[in-house]
Every structure is written in structure tokens, then in C-alpha cells.
Amino acid sequence: MKPENHSILIRHETCDTCRKCVQVCPAGILVQERKKEPIGVEHLENCIVCGHCADACPTGSLQHSAFPPETIHPIDYSRMPTPEQVMLLIKSRRSNRALSAKTVPREKLEQILEAARYAPTASNRQQVSCTVITDPDTLRQIGDFTINVFDAAAKKLMNPVVRFLFRPFLRQAYQYLPTLQRLKQRHEDGYDPILRKATALILFHTPASCHFGCEDSNLAYQNASLMAQSLGVTQIYMGYVIRAIQQDSSGTFSRITGIDEKIHAIMALGIPSFRYLNYTER
């Protein structure tokens, strides 16, 4: 629903004019001319429907039509993890590539997606979508696609004419050439050097017109990553697949996945064969 279709009602008989809603409103539509005067609403059409005002009101006097009372929940700060617990979660997060054959339970995937959904987005546009892929054949096609893109790139780099003309300008690309060749060989040997035998992928994507799609998607990814860690699920950032998509001018990846939006991040998920016992300082 568009902001102009919403309404904000302030019950002045219970409002204590604390100004908290005024202070937190990013659109500046809640105003108070002088201290202790009634809170007013101006330019409601600028509301981004973020819910800050409803969440900040201590008396429940501010009623936003987008957030009926049953959608507003009290926060029990006594249940919050300690800073030490949060830091331990962050320090222990690893991309454990030793995955078992077990699939990620559906309820855990749903918790990871919910964490991603609660990530902030620019202007609260909420244009990030998540597509979950668990079909083994589709996962295999994504691995094949990535290897094929890099193999084609490697063949171009190894062309004698290209090598002679461009090697001085593409030093980093040529440094990666042995890695690309090694990935192809491991793929041919039956290993899975791209997805690492992950049983699920989450693709974060937005419409191409979304100006902050990359930033919003990676904020969502970070939320999902920490939730996965807390659930004992391994997550691996699919940088190779993202780079292959960026080089895919034929639309092959879109045909494989059915996604016609811009993909900004991909998370591979799996159940680890073991859990790390230590973390190293960085």
C-alpha cells in the first residue's frame, strides 16, 4: 500500500508529548513546535512506512494504519544476547566448506529468510527478494554454468594474440588463470568446487531500477549469515557465481533460475560435517 493511503492518528488525551516519535521519524512528518505542545502530522505523503514512530511511542497513543496493535510487540531487553555473546557469534562465523549430505531443515531456512527480511533498506523501500533453490538438478546446472563461463574466459586469456596484447593490462586476470584451470579440473573429476555440495542456495535480488539494490541485498545477506551461524548451518558466499553472472550476456543464468531481476548476492547453505572448535585472531 502506498504511503498516501495510510493515516496517522495521535490520541492527544493519552500522548505525553515525549517527542520520541518526532525524533525518530526519518521523513520528518511528525512535528512539535514547542516543548509539551501536541504532536502534529505534516506531509503524510512523505511517510516511508518504516514503523519507527509506532515502535517508539511509550503510551500507544500514535496509531499508524499500516501497523495495527496486533502487529506491534513489546521488546524484552532482558532476553537480548550480551555483547560478549554477539561478538562470539561473529568471531566464530566461518564458511565451513566441509559439508555433509544432510539437507537444511525447512524451518531453519525460514528462520534465515526471516532474519534477512528484517534487514534495513534504503528509504524502507523493501525491494530485496530472496529466491531459495534446493532442487539438485538446478544446483548442478548453476555449478556447470559457473565453470563454463570461467572456462570460456580462460580460453580467451590463453589465446596467444590476446595474451600478447592484454597481459600487461590484465595482470590480475592472468594471476587467477591457474585457479580457473584448477576449478575446471576439479569439476571434471567429480568434485563440486563452486557450490561445495551445498543443498540450498539463497539468491538476493532486486529490480534493476533499485538504486541501492547491492547495499540492501548485502545487508540482508549479513542478517541471514549470522542467523545461519546461530542455527548451526554453514553459509558460503558464492563470489564465483556472482562474477559469472556479471559476465553472462546470454541470459543463461536467468533461464536456469527463472529470475529476471538483478542478483547482488548468493548464499550457499549446508549442514557442516563438523563444527570449528577455535577461532583465530585477525
Foldseek 3Di string as FASTA:
>chain_A
DAQVVKDKAFDVVQQQQPCQLCVPQPQNQWDDPDRRGDIDGHPSNSHLPPCSNCQRGPRNRIDIRVAPPVNHDDDDCVPDDDPVVVVVLVLQADQFLQFDLDADDPVLVVVLQVLLQPFADVSNPSQKDKDKDQPPVLVVVLLVLLLVLLVVVLVQCPPVVNVVPCCVPPVVNVVCSVVSVVCNVCVVVPARVQLSNFRMKMWIFGAPPDPCRLVSSVSSVVSSSSSCSVVQKRKDKRPSSLVSVVVDPPCPNCVSRVDPTRTNTMIGIGHHPDGDPDGDDD
